[in-house]
């Protein structure tokens, strides 16, 4: 997933970019509001998330958020040291999708990025709703929870389908084990790791495509789109 990081501190940006890169993000760094808007003007929808620091040198961060929202519907996460409720409400009213207060835990930030970027349905340019995900020979029908490979139906359990649908929302993006457990099983990582591994193995077997779900050692899993 491409991510636009708007941060005027080069040291902070470099450290955060390195962390995000290790988790599968392709980071573009903008040092001020003007650079951020220029990056979004050609095609704002090319980014999965905008991570916007409010302490910018050239423009008020809230103003930049408002301008971004006019350019694109890409999720925006505000990052700031301002922790008062009024500031948070103001940011959300301007169109921000989430609000993270410094200092923040990196794991929480990653979870919030994934949370705002997830979509179980997508709207195309005509405003119609796309409810079918196609990945080569694999067809995933979200409303009916049906999966087929080369036209042949594949019977999945509820959790197997939820796991596949989650990974299919962002092909190529690494989903952390903790995030998958939280989203699919609605619980914490402790004691559930083996369950995740079993479900991944079962999906690979049932779909007869062992390379479709890739294990990223020490991090989690990602879905490898055929031909990628």
C-alpha atoms as a PDB file:
ATOM      1  CA  UNK A   1       0.000   0.000   0.000  1.00  0.00           C
ATOM      2  CA  UNK A   2       1.214   3.494  -0.810  1.00  0.00           C
ATOM      3  CA  UNK A   3       1.178   5.882   2.132  1.00  0.00           C
ATOM      4  CA  UNK A   4       1.699   9.655   2.122  1.00  0.00           C
ATOM      5  CA  UNK A   5       3.588  10.776   5.232  1.00  0.00           C
ATOM      6  CA  UNK A   6       3.314  14.523   5.875  1.00  0.00           C
ATOM      7  CA  UNK A   7       5.994  15.332   8.459  1.00  0.00           C
ATOM      8  CA  UNK A   8       8.363  18.323   8.631  1.00  0.00           C
ATOM      9  CA  UNK A   9      10.936  16.636  10.900  1.00  0.00           C
ATOM     10  CA  UNK A  10      13.260  14.650   8.622  1.00  0.00           C
ATOM     11  CA  UNK A  11      14.616  12.498  11.466  1.00  0.00           C
ATOM     12  CA  UNK A  12      11.144  11.502  12.625  1.00  0.00           C
ATOM     13  CA  UNK A  13      10.059  10.885   9.024  1.00  0.00           C
ATOM     14  CA  UNK A  14      13.104   8.714   8.277  1.00  0.00           C
ATOM     15  CA  UNK A  15      12.598   6.545  11.364  1.00  0.00           C
ATOM     16  CA  UNK A  16       8.857   6.152  10.778  1.00  0.00           C
ATOM     17  CA  UNK A  17       9.322   5.486   7.057  1.00  0.00           C
ATOM     18  CA  UNK A  18      11.730   2.652   7.870  1.00  0.00           C
ATOM     19  CA  UNK A  19       9.206   1.062  10.233  1.00  0.00           C
ATOM     20  CA  UNK A  20       6.371   1.421   7.748  1.00  0.00           C
ATOM     21  CA  UNK A  21       8.504  -0.042   4.955  1.00  0.00           C
ATOM     22  CA  UNK A  22       9.192  -3.131   7.069  1.00  0.00           C
ATOM     23  CA  UNK A  23       5.433  -3.609   7.320  1.00  0.00           C
ATOM     24  CA  UNK A  24       4.859  -3.498   3.587  1.00  0.00           C
ATOM     25  CA  UNK A  25       4.134   0.185   2.994  1.00  0.00           C
ATOM     26  CA  UNK A  26       5.501   2.236   0.095  1.00  0.00           C
ATOM     27  CA  UNK A  27       6.047   5.635   1.759  1.00  0.00           C
ATOM     28  CA  UNK A  28       6.105   9.021   0.038  1.00  0.00           C
ATOM     29  CA  UNK A  29       7.409  11.781   2.325  1.00  0.00           C
ATOM     30  CA  UNK A  30       6.074  15.338   2.101  1.00  0.00           C
ATOM     31  CA  UNK A  31       7.808  17.915   4.328  1.00  0.00           C
ATOM     32  CA  UNK A  32       5.034  20.491   4.377  1.00  0.00           C
ATOM     33  CA  UNK A  33       1.463  21.093   3.342  1.00  0.00           C
ATOM     34  CA  UNK A  34       2.302  22.308  -0.136  1.00  0.00           C
ATOM     35  CA  UNK A  35       4.350  19.203  -0.950  1.00  0.00           C
ATOM     36  CA  UNK A  36       1.514  17.033   0.345  1.00  0.00           C
ATOM     37  CA  UNK A  37      -1.075  18.730  -1.839  1.00  0.00           C
ATOM     38  CA  UNK A  38       1.221  18.550  -4.879  1.00  0.00           C
ATOM     39  CA  UNK A  39       1.636  14.803  -4.320  1.00  0.00           C
ATOM     40  CA  UNK A  40      -2.135  14.386  -4.195  1.00  0.00           C
ATOM     41  CA  UNK A  41      -3.105  16.623  -7.123  1.00  0.00           C
ATOM     42  CA  UNK A  42      -2.229  14.175  -9.977  1.00  0.00           C
ATOM     43  CA  UNK A  43      -4.140  11.270  -8.448  1.00  0.00           C
ATOM     44  CA  UNK A  44      -4.984  11.388  -4.763  1.00  0.00           C
ATOM     45  CA  UNK A  45      -6.499   7.923  -4.848  1.00  0.00           C
ATOM     46  CA  UNK A  46      -3.106   6.340  -5.559  1.00  0.00           C
ATOM     47  CA  UNK A  47      -2.427   6.499  -1.804  1.00  0.00           C
ATOM     48  CA  UNK A  48      -4.079   4.127   0.638  1.00  0.00           C
ATOM     49  CA  UNK A  49      -3.664   6.452   3.643  1.00  0.00           C
ATOM     50  CA  UNK A  50      -2.424   9.971   4.412  1.00  0.00           C
ATOM     51  CA  UNK A  51      -0.581  10.305   7.719  1.00  0.00           C
ATOM     52  CA  UNK A  52      -0.777  14.025   8.466  1.00  0.00           C
ATOM     53  CA  UNK A  53       1.242  15.768  11.176  1.00  0.00           C
ATOM     54  CA  UNK A  54      -0.509  18.977  12.207  1.00  0.00           C
ATOM     55  CA  UNK A  55       2.642  20.920  13.131  1.00  0.00           C
ATOM     56  CA  UNK A  56       3.621  21.971   9.625  1.00  0.00           C
ATOM     57  CA  UNK A  57       5.883  24.957   8.844  1.00  0.00           C
ATOM     58  CA  UNK A  58       3.936  26.485   5.948  1.00  0.00           C
ATOM     59  CA  UNK A  59       0.241  25.873   6.610  1.00  0.00           C
ATOM     60  CA  UNK A  60      -2.045  24.988   9.472  1.00  0.00           C
ATOM     61  CA  UNK A  61      -2.465  21.223   9.551  1.00  0.00           C
ATOM     62  CA  UNK A  62      -6.220  21.494   9.922  1.00  0.00           C
ATOM     63  CA  UNK A  63      -6.357  23.655   6.802  1.00  0.00           C
ATOM     64  CA  UNK A  64      -4.288  21.088   4.913  1.00  0.00           C
ATOM     65  CA  UNK A  65      -6.681  18.348   6.018  1.00  0.00           C
ATOM     66  CA  UNK A  66      -9.622  20.298   4.634  1.00  0.00           C
ATOM     67  CA  UNK A  67      -7.835  20.771   1.302  1.00  0.00           C
ATOM     68  CA  UNK A  68      -6.918  17.080   1.132  1.00  0.00           C
ATOM     69  CA  UNK A  69     -10.516  16.098   1.705  1.00  0.00           C
ATOM     70  CA  UNK A  70     -11.568  18.231  -1.283  1.00  0.00           C
ATOM     71  CA  UNK A  71      -9.017  16.444  -3.481  1.00  0.00           C
ATOM     72  CA  UNK A  72      -9.581  12.828  -2.494  1.00  0.00           C
ATOM     73  CA  UNK A  73     -11.522  10.429  -0.311  1.00  0.00           C
ATOM     74  CA  UNK A  74      -8.290   8.739   0.819  1.00  0.00           C
ATOM     75  CA  UNK A  75      -8.342   8.102   4.600  1.00  0.00           C
ATOM     76  CA  UNK A  76      -6.489  10.732   6.655  1.00  0.00           C
ATOM     77  CA  UNK A  77      -4.979  10.089  10.072  1.00  0.00           C
ATOM     78  CA  UNK A  78      -3.994  13.238  11.960  1.00  0.00           C
ATOM     79  CA  UNK A  79      -0.890  13.028  14.145  1.00  0.00           C
ATOM     80  CA  UNK A  80      -0.395  15.728  16.772  1.00  0.00           C
ATOM     81  CA  UNK A  81       0.655  16.539  20.315  1.00  0.00           C
ATOM     82  CA  UNK A  82      -2.684  18.275  20.892  1.00  0.00           C
ATOM     83  CA  UNK A  83      -4.636  15.888  23.091  1.00  0.00           C
ATOM     84  CA  UNK A  84      -7.659  17.987  24.076  1.00  0.00           C
ATOM     85  CA  UNK A  85     -11.073  16.793  22.999  1.00  0.00           C
ATOM     86  CA  UNK A  86     -11.919  20.024  21.163  1.00  0.00           C
ATOM     87  CA  UNK A  87      -8.914  19.627  18.858  1.00  0.00           C
ATOM     88  CA  UNK A  88      -9.856  16.032  18.089  1.00  0.00           C
ATOM     89  CA  UNK A  89     -13.441  16.961  17.298  1.00  0.00           C
ATOM     90  CA  UNK A  90     -12.276  19.800  15.051  1.00  0.00           C
ATOM     91  CA  UNK A  91     -10.013  17.444  13.114  1.00  0.00           C
ATOM     92  CA  UNK A  92     -12.717  14.836  12.668  1.00  0.00           C
ATOM     93  CA  UNK A  93     -15.198  17.488  11.553  1.00  0.00           C
ATOM     94  CA  UNK A  94     -12.749  18.568   8.847  1.00  0.00           C
ATOM     95  CA  UNK A  95     -12.799  15.066   7.411  1.00  0.00           C
ATOM     96  CA  UNK A  96     -10.039  13.209   9.256  1.00  0.00           C
ATOM     97  CA  UNK A  97     -10.714   9.494   9.690  1.00  0.00           C
ATOM     98  CA  UNK A  98      -8.682   9.093  12.871  1.00  0.00           C
ATOM     99  CA  UNK A  99      -6.577  11.116  15.301  1.00  0.00           C
ATOM    100  CA  UNK A 100      -3.354   9.894  16.966  1.00  0.00           C
ATOM    101  CA  UNK A 101      -1.771  11.792  19.854  1.00  0.00           C
ATOM    102  CA  UNK A 102       2.010  11.970  20.321  1.00  0.00           C
ATOM    103  CA  UNK A 103       3.815  10.164  21.780  1.00  0.00           C
ATOM    104  CA  UNK A 104       2.174   7.099  20.306  1.00  0.00           C
ATOM    105  CA  UNK A 105       2.951   3.404  20.295  1.00  0.00           C
ATOM    106  CA  UNK A 106       4.110   2.246  16.856  1.00  0.00           C
ATOM    107  CA  UNK A 107       1.987  -0.888  17.047  1.00  0.00           C
ATOM    108  CA  UNK A 108      -1.108   1.175  17.741  1.00  0.00           C
ATOM    109  CA  UNK A 109      -0.319   3.502  14.845  1.00  0.00           C
ATOM    110  CA  UNK A 110       0.035   0.544  12.476  1.00  0.00           C
ATOM    111  CA  UNK A 111      -3.249  -0.888  13.707  1.00  0.00           C
ATOM    112  CA  UNK A 112      -4.991   2.435  13.133  1.00  0.00           C
ATOM    113  CA  UNK A 113      -3.537   2.725   9.624  1.00  0.00           C
ATOM    114  CA  UNK A 114      -4.846  -0.712   8.728  1.00  0.00           C
ATOM    115  CA  UNK A 115      -8.186  -0.004  10.372  1.00  0.00           C
ATOM    116  CA  UNK A 116      -8.945   3.138   8.347  1.00  0.00           C
ATOM    117  CA  UNK A 117      -7.665   1.652   5.095  1.00  0.00           C
ATOM    118  CA  UNK A 118      -9.753  -1.506   5.201  1.00  0.00           C
ATOM    119  CA  UNK A 119     -12.752  -1.675   2.948  1.00  0.00           C
ATOM    120  CA  UNK A 120     -15.036  -4.665   2.505  1.00  0.00           C
ATOM    121  CA  UNK A 121     -16.727  -2.932  -0.386  1.00  0.00           C
ATOM    122  CA  UNK A 122     -15.363  -0.443  -2.900  1.00  0.00           C
ATOM    123  CA  UNK A 123     -17.056   2.284  -4.855  1.00  0.00           C
ATOM    124  CA  UNK A 124     -16.066   2.738  -8.470  1.00  0.00           C
ATOM    125  CA  UNK A 125     -16.079   5.990 -10.433  1.00  0.00           C
ATOM    126  CA  UNK A 126     -19.793   5.676 -11.201  1.00  0.00           C
ATOM    127  CA  UNK A 127     -20.685   5.342  -7.547  1.00  0.00           C
ATOM    128  CA  UNK A 128     -21.803   1.754  -7.852  1.00  0.00           C
ATOM    129  CA  UNK A 129     -20.742  -0.736  -5.204  1.00  0.00           C
ATOM    130  CA  UNK A 130     -18.320  -3.507  -6.069  1.00  0.00           C
ATOM    131  CA  UNK A 131     -19.030  -6.590  -4.012  1.00  0.00           C
ATOM    132  CA  UNK A 132     -16.935  -9.147  -5.893  1.00  0.00           C
ATOM    133  CA  UNK A 133     -13.163  -9.453  -5.548  1.00  0.00           C
ATOM    134  CA  UNK A 134     -11.311 -11.218  -8.364  1.00  0.00           C
ATOM    135  CA  UNK A 135      -7.753 -12.459  -7.955  1.00  0.00           C
ATOM    136  CA  UNK A 136      -6.825 -14.393 -11.041  1.00  0.00           C
ATOM    137  CA  UNK A 137      -8.826 -17.618 -10.938  1.00  0.00           C
ATOM    138  CA  UNK A 138     -10.175 -16.811  -7.467  1.00  0.00           C
ATOM    139  CA  UNK A 139     -13.566 -15.111  -7.160  1.00  0.00           C
ATOM    140  CA  UNK A 140     -14.762 -13.848  -3.776  1.00  0.00           C
ATOM    141  CA  UNK A 141     -18.384 -12.749  -3.453  1.00  0.00           C
ATOM    142  CA  UNK A 142     -18.566 -10.646  -0.307  1.00  0.00           C
ATOM    143  CA  UNK A 143     -22.366 -10.403   0.256  1.00  0.00           C
ATOM    144  CA  UNK A 144     -23.031 -14.115  -0.269  1.00  0.00           C
ATOM    145  CA  UNK A 145     -19.709 -15.240   1.247  1.00  0.00           C
ATOM    146  CA  UNK A 146     -19.076 -17.560  -1.681  1.00  0.00           C
ATOM    147  CA  UNK A 147     -15.658 -18.401  -3.123  1.00  0.00           C
ATOM    148  CA  UNK A 148     -14.816 -20.161  -6.360  1.00  0.00           C
ATOM    149  CA  UNK A 149     -11.636 -21.107  -8.220  1.00  0.00           C
ATOM    150  CA  UNK A 150     -11.879 -21.427 -12.003  1.00  0.00           C
ATOM    151  CA  UNK A 151     -15.658 -21.450 -11.600  1.00  0.00           C
ATOM    152  CA  UNK A 152     -15.692 -24.342  -9.124  1.00  0.00           C
ATOM    153  CA  UNK A 153     -17.191 -23.525  -5.712  1.00  0.00           C
ATOM    154  CA  UNK A 154     -14.912 -23.855  -2.695  1.00  0.00           C
ATOM    155  CA  UNK A 155     -16.515 -24.559   0.673  1.00  0.00           C
ATOM    156  CA  UNK A 156     -14.954 -22.452   3.422  1.00  0.00           C
ATOM    157  CA  UNK A 157     -15.767 -22.153   7.085  1.00  0.00           C
ATOM    158  CA  UNK A 158     -16.881 -18.769   8.406  1.00  0.00           C
ATOM    159  CA  UNK A 159     -13.428 -17.934   9.801  1.00  0.00           C
ATOM    160  CA  UNK A 160     -11.663 -19.145   6.654  1.00  0.00           C
ATOM    161  CA  UNK A 161     -13.808 -16.823   4.562  1.00  0.00           C
ATOM    162  CA  UNK A 162     -13.279 -13.898   6.955  1.00  0.00           C
ATOM    163  CA  UNK A 163      -9.526 -14.441   6.828  1.00  0.00           C
ATOM    164  CA  UNK A 164      -9.435 -14.635   3.029  1.00  0.00           C
ATOM    165  CA  UNK A 165     -11.691 -11.592   2.636  1.00  0.00           C
ATOM    166  CA  UNK A 166      -9.490  -9.571   4.989  1.00  0.00           C
ATOM    167  CA  UNK A 167      -6.291 -10.377   3.098  1.00  0.00           C
ATOM    168  CA  UNK A 168      -8.011  -9.833  -0.268  1.00  0.00           C
ATOM    169  CA  UNK A 169      -8.959  -6.277   0.631  1.00  0.00           C
ATOM    170  CA  UNK A 170      -5.332  -5.205   0.185  1.00  0.00           C
ATOM    171  CA  UNK A 171      -3.401  -7.660  -2.011  1.00  0.00           C
ATOM    172  CA  UNK A 172       0.333  -7.314  -1.453  1.00  0.00           C
ATOM    173  CA  UNK A 173      -0.046  -5.573   1.916  1.00  0.00           C
ATOM    174  CA  UNK A 174       1.310  -7.373   4.961  1.00  0.00           C
ATOM    175  CA  UNK A 175      -1.285  -7.923   7.686  1.00  0.00           C
ATOM    176  CA  UNK A 176       0.262  -8.409  11.106  1.00  0.00           C
ATOM    177  CA  UNK A 177      -0.693 -11.561  13.006  1.00  0.00           C
ATOM    178  CA  UNK A 178      -2.064  -9.488  15.876  1.00  0.00           C
ATOM    179  CA  UNK A 179      -4.246  -7.490  13.499  1.00  0.00           C
ATOM    180  CA  UNK A 180      -5.636 -10.601  11.808  1.00  0.00           C
ATOM    181  CA  UNK A 181      -6.468 -12.211  15.141  1.00  0.00           C
ATOM    182  CA  UNK A 182      -8.161  -9.015  16.299  1.00  0.00           C
ATOM    183  CA  UNK A 183     -10.226  -8.608  13.123  1.00  0.00           C
ATOM    184  CA  UNK A 184     -11.170 -12.226  12.395  1.00  0.00           C
ATOM    185  CA  UNK A 185     -11.372 -13.761  15.872  1.00  0.00           C
ATOM    186  CA  UNK A 186     -12.167 -10.579  17.814  1.00  0.00           C
ATOM    187  CA  UNK A 187      -9.677 -11.470  20.500  1.00  0.00           C
ATOM    188  CA  UNK A 188      -6.043 -10.931  21.451  1.00  0.00           C
ATOM    189  CA  UNK A 189      -3.008 -12.726  20.018  1.00  0.00           C
ATOM    190  CA  UNK A 190      -2.282 -14.765  23.139  1.00  0.00           C
ATOM    191  CA  UNK A 191      -3.138 -18.408  22.667  1.00  0.00           C
ATOM    192  CA  UNK A 192      -4.623 -17.918  19.189  1.00  0.00           C
ATOM    193  CA  UNK A 193      -1.497 -18.020  17.042  1.00  0.00           C
ATOM    194  CA  UNK A 194      -1.755 -21.726  16.296  1.00  0.00           C
ATOM    195  CA  UNK A 195      -5.371 -21.280  15.212  1.00  0.00           C
ATOM    196  CA  UNK A 196      -4.322 -18.693  12.635  1.00  0.00           C
ATOM    197  CA  UNK A 197      -1.626 -20.962  11.237  1.00  0.00           C
ATOM    198  CA  UNK A 198      -4.102 -23.828  10.893  1.00  0.00           C
ATOM    199  CA  UNK A 199      -6.614 -21.642   9.035  1.00  0.00           C
ATOM    200  CA  UNK A 200      -3.960 -20.342   6.662  1.00  0.00           C
ATOM    201  CA  UNK A 201      -2.855 -23.905   5.891  1.00  0.00           C
ATOM    202  CA  UNK A 202      -6.472 -24.944   5.337  1.00  0.00           C
ATOM    203  CA  UNK A 203      -7.085 -22.057   2.928  1.00  0.00           C
ATOM    204  CA  UNK A 204      -3.989 -22.897   0.911  1.00  0.00           C
ATOM    205  CA  UNK A 205      -5.167 -26.493   0.654  1.00  0.00           C
ATOM    206  CA  UNK A 206      -8.791 -25.793  -0.210  1.00  0.00           C
ATOM    207  CA  UNK A 207      -7.947 -23.180  -2.835  1.00  0.00           C
ATOM    208  CA  UNK A 208      -5.175 -25.415  -4.216  1.00  0.00           C
ATOM    209  CA  UNK A 209      -2.991 -22.340  -4.471  1.00  0.00           C
ATOM    210  CA  UNK A 210      -0.310 -22.609  -1.767  1.00  0.00           C
ATOM    211  CA  UNK A 211       1.528 -19.530  -3.053  1.00  0.00           C
ATOM    212  CA  UNK A 212      -1.550 -17.296  -2.827  1.00  0.00           C
ATOM    213  CA  UNK A 213      -1.023 -16.541   0.874  1.00  0.00           C
ATOM    214  CA  UNK A 214       2.576 -15.699   1.681  1.00  0.00           C
ATOM    215  CA  UNK A 215       4.070 -15.929   5.157  1.00  0.00           C
ATOM    216  CA  UNK A 216       6.143 -12.866   6.065  1.00  0.00           C
ATOM    217  CA  UNK A 217       8.465 -14.198   8.725  1.00  0.00           C
ATOM    218  CA  UNK A 218       8.169 -12.432  12.047  1.00  0.00           C
ATOM    219  CA  UNK A 219       5.339 -10.166  10.866  1.00  0.00           C
ATOM    220  CA  UNK A 220       2.285 -11.878   9.421  1.00  0.00           C
ATOM    221  CA  UNK A 221       0.718 -12.776   6.089  1.00  0.00           C
ATOM    222  CA  UNK A 222      -0.105 -11.178   2.780  1.00  0.00           C
ATOM    223  CA  UNK A 223      -2.076 -12.224  -0.235  1.00  0.00           C
ATOM    224  CA  UNK A 224       0.006 -12.400  -3.411  1.00  0.00           C
ATOM    225  CA  UNK A 225      -2.142 -11.464  -6.394  1.00  0.00           C
ATOM    226  CA  UNK A 226      -1.611 -13.845  -9.314  1.00  0.00           C
ATOM    227  CA  UNK A 227       0.813 -12.350 -11.814  1.00  0.00           C
ATOM    228  CA  UNK A 228       2.270  -9.953  -9.252  1.00  0.00           C
END
